[in-house]
N, C-alpha and C. Protein backbone atom coordinates (compact mmCIF):
# COMPACT_ATOMS: atom_id res chain seq x y z
N MET A 1 0.82 -1.20 0.00
CA MET A 1 0.00 0.00 0.00
C MET A 1 0.86 1.26 0.00
N GLN A 2 1.99 1.24 0.71
CA GLN A 2 2.86 2.41 0.78
C GLN A 2 3.31 2.83 -0.61
N ALA A 3 3.71 1.89 -1.46
CA ALA A 3 4.19 2.23 -2.80
C ALA A 3 3.11 2.93 -3.62
N GLN A 4 1.88 2.47 -3.52
CA GLN A 4 0.79 3.10 -4.26
C GLN A 4 0.50 4.50 -3.74
N SER A 5 0.49 4.68 -2.44
CA SER A 5 0.11 5.97 -1.87
C SER A 5 1.21 7.01 -1.99
N GLU A 6 2.47 6.60 -2.20
CA GLU A 6 3.56 7.58 -2.34
C GLU A 6 3.37 8.44 -3.58
N GLY A 7 2.68 7.92 -4.60
CA GLY A 7 2.44 8.69 -5.81
C GLY A 7 1.32 9.69 -5.68
N VAL A 8 0.56 9.65 -4.61
CA VAL A 8 -0.55 10.58 -4.39
C VAL A 8 0.03 11.88 -3.85
N VAL A 9 -0.25 12.97 -4.56
CA VAL A 9 0.30 14.27 -4.19
C VAL A 9 -0.83 15.29 -4.16
N GLY A 10 -0.75 16.24 -3.23
CA GLY A 10 -1.74 17.30 -3.19
C GLY A 10 -1.90 17.86 -1.81
N SER A 11 -3.00 18.57 -1.63
CA SER A 11 -3.28 19.15 -0.32
C SER A 11 -4.74 18.95 0.01
N VAL A 12 -5.02 18.94 1.30
CA VAL A 12 -6.37 18.76 1.81
C VAL A 12 -6.59 19.80 2.90
N ARG A 13 -7.69 20.54 2.80
CA ARG A 13 -8.06 21.51 3.83
C ARG A 13 -9.24 20.94 4.61
N VAL A 14 -9.09 20.86 5.95
CA VAL A 14 -10.11 20.26 6.81
C VAL A 14 -10.48 21.25 7.91
N ASN A 15 -11.77 21.43 8.13
CA ASN A 15 -12.27 22.28 9.21
C ASN A 15 -12.86 21.36 10.28
N VAL A 16 -12.38 21.50 11.51
CA VAL A 16 -12.82 20.60 12.57
C VAL A 16 -13.18 21.37 13.83
N LEU A 17 -14.10 20.82 14.59
CA LEU A 17 -14.42 21.36 15.91
C LEU A 17 -13.31 20.97 16.88
N ARG A 18 -13.11 21.78 17.88
CA ARG A 18 -12.04 21.56 18.86
C ARG A 18 -12.11 20.16 19.49
N ASP A 19 -13.32 19.68 19.79
CA ASP A 19 -13.47 18.35 20.39
C ASP A 19 -12.93 17.24 19.50
N ALA A 20 -12.94 17.45 18.19
CA ALA A 20 -12.52 16.41 17.26
C ALA A 20 -11.00 16.20 17.27
N VAL A 21 -10.25 17.18 17.70
CA VAL A 21 -8.79 17.05 17.66
C VAL A 21 -8.31 15.86 18.51
N PRO A 22 -8.61 15.82 19.81
CA PRO A 22 -8.12 14.66 20.59
C PRO A 22 -8.88 13.37 20.28
N LEU A 23 -10.16 13.49 19.92
CA LEU A 23 -10.97 12.29 19.69
C LEU A 23 -10.66 11.60 18.36
N LEU A 24 -10.46 12.39 17.31
CA LEU A 24 -10.33 11.81 15.98
C LEU A 24 -9.01 12.10 15.28
N LEU A 25 -8.58 13.35 15.32
CA LEU A 25 -7.39 13.72 14.55
C LEU A 25 -6.08 13.22 15.15
N SER A 26 -5.89 13.41 16.42
CA SER A 26 -4.61 13.01 17.04
C SER A 26 -4.27 11.54 16.77
N PRO A 27 -5.23 10.63 16.91
CA PRO A 27 -4.89 9.24 16.62
C PRO A 27 -4.70 8.95 15.12
N ALA A 28 -5.41 9.68 14.25
CA ALA A 28 -5.41 9.36 12.82
C ALA A 28 -4.29 10.04 12.03
N LEU A 29 -3.86 11.23 12.43
CA LEU A 29 -2.89 11.97 11.63
C LEU A 29 -1.56 11.26 11.42
N PRO A 30 -0.96 10.66 12.44
CA PRO A 30 0.31 9.96 12.18
C PRO A 30 0.15 8.82 11.16
N ILE A 31 -0.95 8.11 11.23
CA ILE A 31 -1.19 7.01 10.29
C ILE A 31 -1.38 7.57 8.88
N PHE A 32 -2.18 8.63 8.75
CA PHE A 32 -2.40 9.25 7.45
C PHE A 32 -1.09 9.76 6.87
N ALA A 33 -0.29 10.46 7.68
CA ALA A 33 0.98 11.02 7.21
C ALA A 33 1.94 9.92 6.76
N GLN A 34 1.91 8.79 7.42
CA GLN A 34 2.78 7.68 7.02
C GLN A 34 2.30 7.07 5.70
N ARG A 35 1.00 6.92 5.56
CA ARG A 35 0.45 6.31 4.33
C ARG A 35 0.51 7.25 3.13
N PHE A 36 0.36 8.56 3.39
CA PHE A 36 0.31 9.54 2.31
C PHE A 36 1.32 10.66 2.58
N PRO A 37 2.61 10.36 2.46
CA PRO A 37 3.64 11.34 2.83
C PRO A 37 3.66 12.59 1.95
N ASN A 38 3.07 12.54 0.77
CA ASN A 38 3.10 13.68 -0.15
C ASN A 38 1.82 14.50 -0.13
N ILE A 39 0.95 14.25 0.84
CA ILE A 39 -0.26 15.04 1.00
C ILE A 39 -0.03 16.07 2.09
N GLU A 40 -0.24 17.33 1.75
CA GLU A 40 -0.14 18.41 2.73
C GLU A 40 -1.53 18.61 3.34
N ILE A 41 -1.60 18.60 4.67
CA ILE A 41 -2.88 18.74 5.37
C ILE A 41 -2.91 20.08 6.07
N GLU A 42 -3.95 20.86 5.77
CA GLU A 42 -4.19 22.12 6.47
C GLU A 42 -5.43 21.91 7.33
N ILE A 43 -5.28 22.10 8.63
CA ILE A 43 -6.38 21.87 9.56
C ILE A 43 -6.74 23.19 10.24
N ALA A 44 -8.00 23.56 10.13
CA ALA A 44 -8.50 24.74 10.82
C ALA A 44 -9.37 24.26 11.98
N VAL A 45 -8.94 24.54 13.20
CA VAL A 45 -9.68 24.15 14.39
C VAL A 45 -10.53 25.35 14.80
N ASP A 46 -11.85 25.15 14.75
CA ASP A 46 -12.75 26.27 14.95
C ASP A 46 -14.08 25.75 15.44
N ASP A 47 -14.61 26.32 16.50
CA ASP A 47 -15.92 25.89 17.00
C ASP A 47 -17.07 26.64 16.34
N HIS A 48 -16.80 27.41 15.31
CA HIS A 48 -17.85 28.02 14.50
C HIS A 48 -18.23 27.02 13.41
N PHE A 49 -19.50 26.88 13.17
CA PHE A 49 -19.95 26.00 12.10
C PHE A 49 -19.91 26.79 10.80
N VAL A 50 -18.82 26.64 10.08
CA VAL A 50 -18.69 27.35 8.81
C VAL A 50 -19.27 26.50 7.70
N ASP A 51 -19.57 27.13 6.59
CA ASP A 51 -19.97 26.42 5.38
C ASP A 51 -18.69 25.79 4.83
N VAL A 52 -18.53 24.51 5.02
CA VAL A 52 -17.28 23.82 4.72
C VAL A 52 -16.84 24.08 3.28
N THR A 53 -17.69 23.76 2.32
CA THR A 53 -17.29 23.94 0.92
C THR A 53 -17.28 25.42 0.53
N GLY A 54 -18.20 26.20 1.08
CA GLY A 54 -18.24 27.63 0.78
C GLY A 54 -16.99 28.36 1.24
N GLU A 55 -16.36 27.89 2.30
CA GLU A 55 -15.13 28.50 2.82
C GLU A 55 -13.88 27.86 2.24
N GLY A 56 -14.05 26.97 1.25
CA GLY A 56 -12.89 26.40 0.56
C GLY A 56 -12.27 25.18 1.23
N PHE A 57 -12.98 24.55 2.14
CA PHE A 57 -12.46 23.33 2.77
C PHE A 57 -12.87 22.12 1.97
N ASP A 58 -12.06 21.08 2.05
CA ASP A 58 -12.36 19.82 1.37
C ASP A 58 -13.23 18.92 2.24
N ALA A 59 -13.14 19.10 3.54
CA ALA A 59 -13.88 18.24 4.47
C ALA A 59 -14.05 18.96 5.80
N GLY A 60 -14.96 18.45 6.60
CA GLY A 60 -15.19 18.98 7.93
C GLY A 60 -15.62 17.87 8.85
N LEU A 61 -15.31 18.01 10.13
CA LEU A 61 -15.74 17.04 11.14
C LEU A 61 -16.75 17.73 12.04
N ARG A 62 -17.94 17.13 12.16
CA ARG A 62 -19.04 17.74 12.90
C ARG A 62 -19.75 16.71 13.76
N TYR A 63 -20.55 17.21 14.72
CA TYR A 63 -21.48 16.36 15.45
C TYR A 63 -22.57 15.95 14.47
N SER A 64 -23.07 14.74 14.60
CA SER A 64 -24.03 14.25 13.62
C SER A 64 -25.30 15.09 13.54
N GLY A 65 -25.74 15.69 14.61
CA GLY A 65 -26.97 16.47 14.58
C GLY A 65 -26.81 17.86 14.00
N THR A 66 -25.60 18.22 13.55
CA THR A 66 -25.36 19.58 13.08
C THR A 66 -24.96 19.63 11.61
N ILE A 67 -25.12 18.56 10.89
CA ILE A 67 -24.68 18.50 9.50
C ILE A 67 -25.79 19.02 8.59
N PRO A 68 -25.49 20.01 7.75
CA PRO A 68 -26.52 20.49 6.82
C PRO A 68 -27.03 19.36 5.93
N GLU A 69 -28.31 19.42 5.60
CA GLU A 69 -28.94 18.35 4.84
C GLU A 69 -28.33 18.13 3.46
N ASP A 70 -27.74 19.17 2.88
CA ASP A 70 -27.19 19.03 1.53
C ASP A 70 -25.75 18.51 1.51
N MET A 71 -25.22 18.17 2.67
CA MET A 71 -23.85 17.65 2.74
C MET A 71 -23.85 16.13 2.74
N ILE A 72 -22.82 15.55 2.16
CA ILE A 72 -22.64 14.10 2.20
C ILE A 72 -21.84 13.80 3.47
N ALA A 73 -22.33 12.90 4.29
CA ALA A 73 -21.69 12.62 5.57
C ALA A 73 -21.56 11.13 5.79
N MET A 74 -20.53 10.75 6.52
CA MET A 74 -20.37 9.37 6.94
C MET A 74 -19.81 9.36 8.36
N PRO A 75 -20.32 8.46 9.20
CA PRO A 75 -19.83 8.41 10.58
C PRO A 75 -18.39 7.90 10.64
N LEU A 76 -17.61 8.48 11.54
CA LEU A 76 -16.23 8.05 11.73
C LEU A 76 -16.07 7.21 12.99
N THR A 77 -17.07 7.26 13.86
CA THR A 77 -17.02 6.49 15.10
C THR A 77 -18.41 5.95 15.38
N SER A 78 -18.49 5.07 16.33
CA SER A 78 -19.80 4.69 16.82
C SER A 78 -20.35 5.90 17.59
N PRO A 79 -21.64 5.96 17.85
CA PRO A 79 -22.18 7.12 18.57
C PRO A 79 -21.44 7.35 19.88
N LEU A 80 -21.09 8.61 20.14
CA LEU A 80 -20.41 8.97 21.37
C LEU A 80 -21.41 9.04 22.51
N GLN A 81 -20.98 8.65 23.67
CA GLN A 81 -21.81 8.70 24.87
C GLN A 81 -21.40 9.92 25.68
N TRP A 82 -22.27 10.92 25.76
CA TRP A 82 -22.03 12.08 26.59
C TRP A 82 -22.67 11.81 27.95
N ILE A 83 -22.05 12.31 28.99
CA ILE A 83 -22.59 12.09 30.32
C ILE A 83 -22.77 13.43 31.03
N ALA A 84 -23.71 13.46 31.94
CA ALA A 84 -23.91 14.62 32.80
C ALA A 84 -23.29 14.29 34.15
N VAL A 85 -22.49 15.20 34.67
CA VAL A 85 -21.83 14.98 35.95
C VAL A 85 -22.15 16.13 36.89
N GLY A 86 -22.08 15.85 38.17
CA GLY A 86 -22.30 16.87 39.19
C GLY A 86 -21.63 16.45 40.48
N SER A 87 -21.35 17.41 41.31
CA SER A 87 -20.71 17.09 42.59
C SER A 87 -21.75 16.50 43.53
N PRO A 88 -21.31 15.72 44.51
CA PRO A 88 -22.25 15.20 45.51
C PRO A 88 -23.02 16.32 46.21
N ASP A 89 -22.34 17.45 46.45
CA ASP A 89 -23.00 18.58 47.10
C ASP A 89 -24.12 19.14 46.22
N TYR A 90 -23.87 19.26 44.91
CA TYR A 90 -24.90 19.76 43.99
C TYR A 90 -26.11 18.83 44.01
N PHE A 91 -25.88 17.53 43.89
CA PHE A 91 -27.00 16.59 43.87
C PHE A 91 -27.74 16.56 45.21
N ALA A 92 -27.02 16.77 46.32
CA ALA A 92 -27.69 16.82 47.63
C ALA A 92 -28.63 18.02 47.70
N ARG A 93 -28.25 19.14 47.08
CA ARG A 93 -29.08 20.34 47.11
C ARG A 93 -30.19 20.34 46.06
N HIS A 94 -29.96 19.73 44.91
CA HIS A 94 -30.91 19.86 43.79
C HIS A 94 -31.56 18.55 43.36
N GLY A 95 -31.18 17.45 43.97
CA GLY A 95 -31.72 16.16 43.57
C GLY A 95 -30.94 15.55 42.42
N ARG A 96 -30.96 14.25 42.38
CA ARG A 96 -30.22 13.52 41.35
C ARG A 96 -31.16 13.23 40.17
N PRO A 97 -30.73 13.52 38.93
CA PRO A 97 -31.59 13.21 37.79
C PRO A 97 -31.72 11.69 37.62
N VAL A 98 -32.90 11.25 37.28
CA VAL A 98 -33.16 9.82 37.11
C VAL A 98 -33.35 9.48 35.64
N VAL A 99 -34.07 10.34 34.93
CA VAL A 99 -34.30 10.15 33.49
C VAL A 99 -33.78 11.38 32.76
N PRO A 100 -33.45 11.27 31.48
CA PRO A 100 -32.89 12.42 30.76
C PRO A 100 -33.72 13.69 30.86
N GLU A 101 -35.03 13.59 30.89
CA GLU A 101 -35.87 14.78 30.98
C GLU A 101 -35.62 15.57 32.26
N ASP A 102 -35.15 14.91 33.31
CA ASP A 102 -34.83 15.59 34.57
C ASP A 102 -33.74 16.65 34.38
N LEU A 103 -32.89 16.49 33.38
CA LEU A 103 -31.80 17.45 33.17
C LEU A 103 -32.32 18.84 32.84
N ASN A 104 -33.52 18.93 32.31
CA ASN A 104 -34.09 20.22 31.95
C ASN A 104 -34.30 21.13 33.16
N ARG A 105 -34.39 20.58 34.36
CA ARG A 105 -34.60 21.42 35.54
C ARG A 105 -33.30 21.65 36.32
N HIS A 106 -32.18 21.24 35.76
CA HIS A 106 -30.89 21.42 36.43
C HIS A 106 -30.07 22.51 35.77
N ARG A 107 -29.21 23.13 36.56
CA ARG A 107 -28.25 24.09 36.03
C ARG A 107 -27.15 23.29 35.34
N ALA A 108 -26.65 23.83 34.25
CA ALA A 108 -25.62 23.08 33.53
C ALA A 108 -24.67 24.01 32.80
N PHE A 109 -23.45 23.56 32.66
CA PHE A 109 -22.49 24.18 31.76
C PHE A 109 -22.65 23.41 30.46
N CYS A 110 -23.18 24.06 29.46
CA CYS A 110 -23.48 23.38 28.20
C CYS A 110 -22.45 23.75 27.15
N ASN A 111 -22.24 22.84 26.25
CA ASN A 111 -21.37 23.08 25.11
C ASN A 111 -22.08 24.03 24.16
N ARG A 112 -21.48 25.17 23.90
CA ARG A 112 -22.08 26.13 22.98
C ARG A 112 -21.33 26.10 21.67
N VAL A 113 -22.06 26.13 20.59
CA VAL A 113 -21.46 26.14 19.27
C VAL A 113 -21.98 27.36 18.52
N PHE A 114 -21.19 27.84 17.58
CA PHE A 114 -21.61 28.99 16.80
C PHE A 114 -22.19 28.51 15.49
N GLN A 115 -23.46 28.71 15.34
CA GLN A 115 -24.16 28.35 14.12
C GLN A 115 -25.28 29.37 13.98
N ALA A 116 -25.03 30.41 13.18
CA ALA A 116 -25.97 31.52 13.06
C ALA A 116 -26.26 32.12 14.43
N GLY A 117 -25.23 32.38 15.20
CA GLY A 117 -25.35 32.88 16.57
C GLY A 117 -25.09 31.73 17.53
N TYR A 118 -24.59 32.05 18.69
CA TYR A 118 -24.28 30.98 19.64
C TYR A 118 -25.54 30.24 20.06
N GLN A 119 -25.48 28.94 20.03
CA GLN A 119 -26.58 28.09 20.43
C GLN A 119 -26.04 26.99 21.31
N GLU A 120 -26.83 26.54 22.26
CA GLU A 120 -26.43 25.39 23.06
C GLU A 120 -26.63 24.14 22.24
N TYR A 121 -25.65 23.24 22.35
CA TYR A 121 -25.81 21.93 21.72
C TYR A 121 -26.82 21.18 22.58
N ARG A 122 -27.91 20.76 21.98
CA ARG A 122 -29.02 20.17 22.75
C ARG A 122 -28.59 18.88 23.45
N TRP A 123 -29.20 18.66 24.62
CA TRP A 123 -28.92 17.45 25.41
C TRP A 123 -29.04 16.25 24.52
């Protein structure tokens, strides 16, 4: 495979959310660079949801619920499991959530993304 991929030359521009760097890029980049040594990779790490192709990128990494309908997408991982955490003191004062709907009545630090204005990424 190395001999075939050495002839591949060019550049790739990728726009990724900050969370994707440790989850997806850090493990994959060394492997990609070894397999495709003549490909130059430009990575823009940005938590703004830009128009990937409109801004001149070749690809983008996004949360599955934020992909525009006109984009072609494929999953890179199995669904990620997000968890809600709180201190014992917080739960003693406000009660422990039992079902996901209980989270709606709790205070939370939510992940905010920029997509036509800052919006919270829904639970």
